[in-house]
């Protein structure tokens, strides 16, 4: 009996060692969201390079962590020189690079854009498995779930809200921004307008729909015709306009998504107090 226990323990140690060895050691990311997922979960030294966008605070919530790593150009010839054993990419980014790397036999894992907090949870778990960091991913998800539960309440009245973007576009309930609003206790007017995934919302129709709040993001620096609609006097003078302060928290499948939920909940509670 004692001998069998020793053999079993030895086998378990061998299996554990093999699992450690199987974890990728030179990971390269080409996408701002896979950058941040890997930065969140990777072991020290496991992530070799991240994309240039990882250092842009308008799209990345983990700029400081990203600055500690080299960036890559996203070009196949540069990625090959990094000798990765795992390449992380997004569905719609660097497609030529991804195709070339796959033809050359490199392991490439592609992450699709997410449309909900549940999608975010799934991608955190997936990244943990790819990196051999399942325990770390489980810790992150436990903290995520606990904070989301603390942020979720049942408001007596849910404000009717419009998300308004450049060129008069909006986001619907079946999008990540729409899911953030839902968990913050807000109703998205795009749903009633038959725009579950978003689309064009002309300014005239927005005004006639008379939402309780109109949410717009902070535009990038400079001026463009694409964003000038967001400064229209009818919006400025409505008293309903609210600016989203931390746009990077709305982009990727990270715990920072709950910062966006918290921000929207605070806006909702301020609206309630004013009623």
Protein backbone atom coordinates (compact mmCIF):
# COMPACT_ATOMS: atom_id res chain seq x y z
CA UNK A 1 0.00 0.00 0.00
CA UNK A 2 2.80 2.35 0.93
CA UNK A 3 4.59 1.60 -2.36
CA UNK A 4 1.45 2.39 -4.39
CA UNK A 5 1.05 5.73 -2.60
CA UNK A 6 4.65 6.63 -3.40
CA UNK A 7 4.14 5.69 -7.06
CA UNK A 8 0.93 7.74 -7.15
CA UNK A 9 2.67 10.77 -5.63
CA UNK A 10 5.53 10.47 -8.10
CA UNK A 11 3.11 10.28 -11.00
CA UNK A 12 1.29 13.38 -9.74
CA UNK A 13 4.56 15.31 -9.48
CA UNK A 14 5.54 14.27 -12.99
CA UNK A 15 2.14 15.35 -14.30
CA UNK A 16 2.40 18.71 -12.53
CA UNK A 17 5.88 19.24 -13.92
CA UNK A 18 4.69 18.42 -17.43
CA UNK A 19 1.83 20.90 -17.07
CA UNK A 20 4.27 23.63 -16.08
CA UNK A 21 6.50 22.82 -19.02
CA UNK A 22 3.49 22.82 -21.35
CA UNK A 23 2.62 26.40 -20.45
CA UNK A 24 3.87 28.80 -23.14
CA UNK A 25 7.05 30.64 -22.20
CA UNK A 26 7.26 33.29 -24.95
CA UNK A 27 3.86 34.88 -25.50
CA UNK A 28 3.35 37.73 -27.94
CA UNK A 29 0.11 39.74 -28.13
CA UNK A 30 -1.05 41.72 -31.18
CA UNK A 31 -4.33 43.12 -29.86
CA UNK A 32 -5.06 45.69 -27.15
CA UNK A 33 -7.55 43.41 -25.38
CA UNK A 34 -5.38 40.28 -25.48
CA UNK A 35 -2.50 42.53 -24.33
CA UNK A 36 -4.39 43.39 -21.18
CA UNK A 37 -5.74 39.92 -20.51
CA UNK A 38 -2.21 38.54 -20.72
CA UNK A 39 -0.82 41.36 -18.57
CA UNK A 40 -3.49 40.55 -16.00
CA UNK A 41 -2.85 36.80 -15.87
CA UNK A 42 0.63 35.92 -17.16
CA UNK A 43 3.43 34.77 -14.91
CA UNK A 44 6.49 37.06 -14.66
CA UNK A 45 8.53 36.81 -17.85
CA UNK A 46 5.88 34.81 -19.70
CA UNK A 47 4.61 37.71 -21.83
CA UNK A 48 7.31 38.87 -24.25
CA UNK A 49 5.70 41.68 -26.24
CA UNK A 50 2.45 43.64 -26.51
CA UNK A 51 0.87 45.87 -29.14
CA UNK A 52 1.45 49.60 -29.46
CA UNK A 53 -2.14 50.32 -28.39
CA UNK A 54 -1.42 48.79 -24.99
CA UNK A 55 0.27 52.10 -24.07
CA UNK A 56 -2.61 54.33 -25.21
CA UNK A 57 -4.71 55.38 -22.18
CA UNK A 58 -7.71 55.99 -24.43
CA UNK A 59 -7.99 52.26 -25.20
CA UNK A 60 -5.92 50.54 -22.52
CA UNK A 61 -6.70 50.35 -18.81
CA UNK A 62 -3.28 48.81 -18.07
CA UNK A 63 -0.90 51.36 -19.53
CA UNK A 64 1.60 51.28 -16.67
CA UNK A 65 1.96 47.49 -16.79
CA UNK A 66 2.31 47.63 -20.58
CA UNK A 67 5.16 50.12 -20.38
CA UNK A 68 7.31 47.49 -18.68
CA UNK A 69 7.30 45.36 -21.86
CA UNK A 70 8.55 45.86 -25.43
CA UNK A 71 5.91 46.63 -28.04
CA UNK A 72 5.62 45.05 -31.46
CA UNK A 73 4.61 46.45 -34.83
CA UNK A 74 2.09 43.71 -35.55
CA UNK A 75 3.99 42.72 -38.70
CA UNK A 76 4.67 39.02 -39.29
CA UNK A 77 8.38 39.52 -39.98
CA UNK A 78 8.83 41.24 -36.61
CA UNK A 79 6.79 38.63 -34.71
CA UNK A 80 8.84 35.76 -36.15
CA UNK A 81 12.02 37.36 -34.80
CA UNK A 82 10.52 37.22 -31.29
CA UNK A 83 10.32 33.41 -31.60
CA UNK A 84 6.95 33.08 -29.81
CA UNK A 85 5.44 29.80 -28.72
CA UNK A 86 2.01 31.47 -28.49
CA UNK A 87 0.61 34.46 -30.38
CA UNK A 88 -2.55 36.20 -29.16
CA UNK A 89 -4.69 38.19 -31.59
CA UNK A 90 -8.13 39.69 -32.10
CA UNK A 91 -10.63 38.70 -34.79
CA UNK A 92 -10.36 41.95 -36.73
CA UNK A 93 -6.77 43.01 -36.10
CA UNK A 94 -3.58 42.21 -38.03
CA UNK A 95 -5.37 39.64 -40.19
CA UNK A 96 -2.52 39.45 -42.70
CA UNK A 97 -0.07 38.79 -39.86
CA UNK A 98 -2.28 36.12 -38.30
CA UNK A 99 -2.70 34.33 -41.64
CA UNK A 100 1.03 34.37 -42.31
CA UNK A 101 1.95 33.12 -38.83
CA UNK A 102 -0.59 30.29 -39.08
CA UNK A 103 0.84 29.25 -42.47
CA UNK A 104 4.31 29.23 -40.93
CA UNK A 105 3.12 26.88 -38.20
CA UNK A 106 3.00 29.23 -35.22
CA UNK A 107 0.33 28.70 -32.61
CA UNK A 108 -2.12 31.59 -32.84
CA UNK A 109 -5.15 32.01 -30.59
CA UNK A 110 -7.77 34.50 -31.76
CA UNK A 111 -10.20 36.27 -29.42
CA UNK A 112 -13.47 37.68 -30.76
CA UNK A 113 -14.87 40.99 -29.47
CA UNK A 114 -17.16 40.58 -26.48
CA UNK A 115 -20.77 41.70 -26.14
CA UNK A 116 -21.42 41.17 -22.43
CA UNK A 117 -19.93 40.77 -18.98
CA UNK A 118 -20.50 37.02 -19.32
CA UNK A 119 -18.35 37.06 -22.47
CA UNK A 120 -15.69 38.85 -20.44
CA UNK A 121 -15.75 36.11 -17.81
CA UNK A 122 -15.41 33.44 -20.50
CA UNK A 123 -12.38 35.15 -22.05
CA UNK A 124 -10.66 35.59 -18.70
CA UNK A 125 -11.06 31.86 -18.07
CA UNK A 126 -9.88 31.03 -21.58
CA UNK A 127 -6.78 33.19 -21.29
CA UNK A 128 -5.97 31.60 -17.95
CA UNK A 129 -6.12 28.16 -19.55
CA UNK A 130 -3.97 29.19 -22.53
CA UNK A 131 -1.28 30.61 -20.25
CA UNK A 132 -1.42 27.75 -17.77
CA UNK A 133 -2.62 30.25 -15.16
CA UNK A 134 -5.99 28.72 -14.29
CA UNK A 135 -5.66 29.43 -10.58
CA UNK A 136 -4.88 33.08 -11.18
CA UNK A 137 -7.86 33.35 -13.54
CA UNK A 138 -10.12 31.72 -10.94
CA UNK A 139 -9.02 34.31 -8.36
CA UNK A 140 -9.72 37.17 -10.78
CA UNK A 141 -13.17 35.75 -11.61
CA UNK A 142 -14.07 35.29 -7.95
CA UNK A 143 -13.20 38.94 -7.27
CA UNK A 144 -15.09 39.98 -10.41
CA UNK A 145 -18.25 38.15 -9.34
CA UNK A 146 -18.10 39.50 -5.80
CA UNK A 147 -17.76 43.09 -6.95
CA UNK A 148 -20.50 42.74 -9.59
CA UNK A 149 -22.85 41.35 -6.95
CA UNK A 150 -22.07 44.32 -4.71
CA UNK A 151 -22.78 46.75 -7.55
CA UNK A 152 -26.06 45.12 -8.62
CA UNK A 153 -29.26 46.45 -7.09
CA UNK A 154 -32.93 46.80 -7.96
CA UNK A 155 -33.65 50.50 -8.53
CA UNK A 156 -37.20 51.67 -8.03
CA UNK A 157 -37.00 53.40 -11.41
CA UNK A 158 -34.60 52.74 -14.26
CA UNK A 159 -33.74 55.86 -16.29
CA UNK A 160 -34.15 55.71 -20.06
CA UNK A 161 -30.66 56.27 -21.44
CA UNK A 162 -29.07 56.83 -24.84
CA UNK A 163 -25.45 56.09 -25.66
CA UNK A 164 -24.36 58.55 -28.32
CA UNK A 165 -21.18 58.27 -30.35
CA UNK A 166 -19.46 59.87 -33.33
CA UNK A 167 -21.55 60.23 -36.49
CA UNK A 168 -24.76 59.79 -34.50
CA UNK A 169 -24.25 56.11 -33.73
CA UNK A 170 -25.56 54.31 -30.67
CA UNK A 171 -25.01 50.94 -28.97
CA UNK A 172 -27.84 48.53 -28.17
CA UNK A 173 -28.58 46.07 -25.40
CA UNK A 174 -26.75 43.22 -27.16
CA UNK A 175 -23.41 45.03 -26.97
CA UNK A 176 -20.85 45.40 -24.22
CA UNK A 177 -21.78 49.05 -23.49
CA UNK A 178 -25.44 48.04 -23.46
CA UNK A 179 -24.75 45.26 -20.97
CA UNK A 180 -22.84 47.69 -18.75
CA UNK A 181 -25.87 49.99 -18.69
CA UNK A 182 -28.19 47.08 -17.89
CA UNK A 183 -26.12 46.01 -14.88
CA UNK A 184 -25.97 49.64 -13.71
CA UNK A 185 -29.77 49.78 -13.57
CA UNK A 186 -30.43 51.73 -16.77
CA UNK A 187 -32.71 51.07 -19.76
CA UNK A 188 -31.22 51.63 -23.20
CA UNK A 189 -33.57 53.39 -25.63
CA UNK A 190 -31.93 51.59 -28.55
CA UNK A 191 -33.78 48.42 -27.52
CA UNK A 192 -37.20 49.98 -28.01
CA UNK A 193 -36.05 51.45 -31.32
CA UNK A 194 -35.24 48.01 -32.72
CA UNK A 195 -31.46 48.49 -32.51
CA UNK A 196 -30.32 45.62 -30.25
CA UNK A 197 -26.80 45.78 -31.68
CA UNK A 198 -26.79 49.55 -32.18
CA UNK A 199 -26.72 51.65 -35.34
CA UNK A 200 -27.54 55.13 -36.54
CA UNK A 201 -29.63 57.36 -34.30
CA UNK A 202 -30.23 60.74 -35.95
CA UNK A 203 -30.07 63.70 -33.61
CA UNK A 204 -33.67 64.68 -34.36
CA UNK A 205 -34.93 61.22 -33.38
CA UNK A 206 -32.82 61.23 -30.25
CA UNK A 207 -34.33 64.55 -29.13
CA UNK A 208 -37.88 63.43 -29.91
CA UNK A 209 -37.39 60.20 -27.98
CA UNK A 210 -36.64 62.38 -24.91
CA UNK A 211 -34.39 60.03 -22.88
CA UNK A 212 -33.66 60.82 -19.25
CA UNK A 213 -29.89 60.80 -19.83
CA UNK A 214 -27.61 61.03 -22.86
CA UNK A 215 -24.18 59.47 -22.39
CA UNK A 216 -21.25 60.41 -24.58
CA UNK A 217 -17.58 59.52 -24.38
CA UNK A 218 -14.74 61.97 -24.18
CA UNK A 219 -13.53 62.50 -27.77
CA UNK A 220 -9.90 62.10 -28.74
CA UNK A 221 -7.85 65.27 -28.95
CA UNK A 222 -8.38 67.63 -31.84
CA UNK A 223 -11.53 68.28 -33.83
CA UNK A 224 -13.31 66.27 -36.49
CA UNK A 225 -16.64 66.39 -38.28
CA UNK A 226 -17.29 62.87 -36.97
CA UNK A 227 -17.52 64.09 -33.38
CA UNK A 228 -18.86 67.63 -33.81
CA UNK A 229 -22.43 66.34 -33.42
CA UNK A 230 -21.63 65.50 -29.80
CA UNK A 231 -21.11 69.22 -29.13
CA UNK A 232 -24.42 70.27 -30.68
CA UNK A 233 -26.20 73.00 -28.64
CA UNK A 234 -29.38 70.93 -28.38
CA UNK A 235 -27.41 68.31 -26.43
CA UNK A 236 -25.43 70.80 -24.37
CA UNK A 237 -28.58 72.71 -23.38
CA UNK A 238 -30.74 69.67 -22.63
CA UNK A 239 -29.43 69.18 -19.09
CA UNK A 240 -29.33 65.45 -19.81
CA UNK A 241 -25.81 65.14 -21.12
CA UNK A 242 -23.30 63.09 -19.13
CA UNK A 243 -19.73 62.34 -20.21
CA UNK A 244 -18.17 58.94 -19.72
CA UNK A 245 -14.92 59.73 -17.95
CA UNK A 246 -12.90 56.51 -18.34
CA UNK A 247 -13.44 55.23 -21.86
CA UNK A 248 -10.72 52.57 -21.56
CA UNK A 249 -12.80 50.77 -18.92
CA UNK A 250 -15.49 50.06 -21.56
CA UNK A 251 -13.30 48.38 -24.15
CA UNK A 252 -11.91 45.00 -23.10
CA UNK A 253 -12.72 41.91 -21.07
CA UNK A 254 -11.13 43.02 -17.81
CA UNK A 255 -12.19 43.59 -14.20
CA UNK A 256 -12.06 47.31 -15.07
CA UNK A 257 -15.41 46.81 -16.82
CA UNK A 258 -16.87 47.00 -13.34
CA UNK A 259 -15.39 50.49 -12.99
CA UNK A 260 -17.68 51.42 -15.89
CA UNK A 261 -20.65 49.77 -14.15
CA UNK A 262 -19.81 51.70 -10.97
CA UNK A 263 -19.54 54.98 -12.89
CA UNK A 264 -22.92 54.43 -14.55
CA UNK A 265 -24.52 53.42 -11.27
CA UNK A 266 -23.27 56.65 -9.67
CA UNK A 267 -24.76 58.64 -12.57
CA UNK A 268 -28.06 56.78 -12.15
CA UNK A 269 -28.14 57.45 -8.41
CA UNK A 270 -27.40 61.14 -8.97
CA UNK A 271 -30.30 61.23 -11.46
CA UNK A 272 -32.57 59.54 -8.91
CA UNK A 273 -31.61 62.09 -6.26
CA UNK A 274 -32.61 64.91 -8.62
CA UNK A 275 -36.09 63.54 -9.31
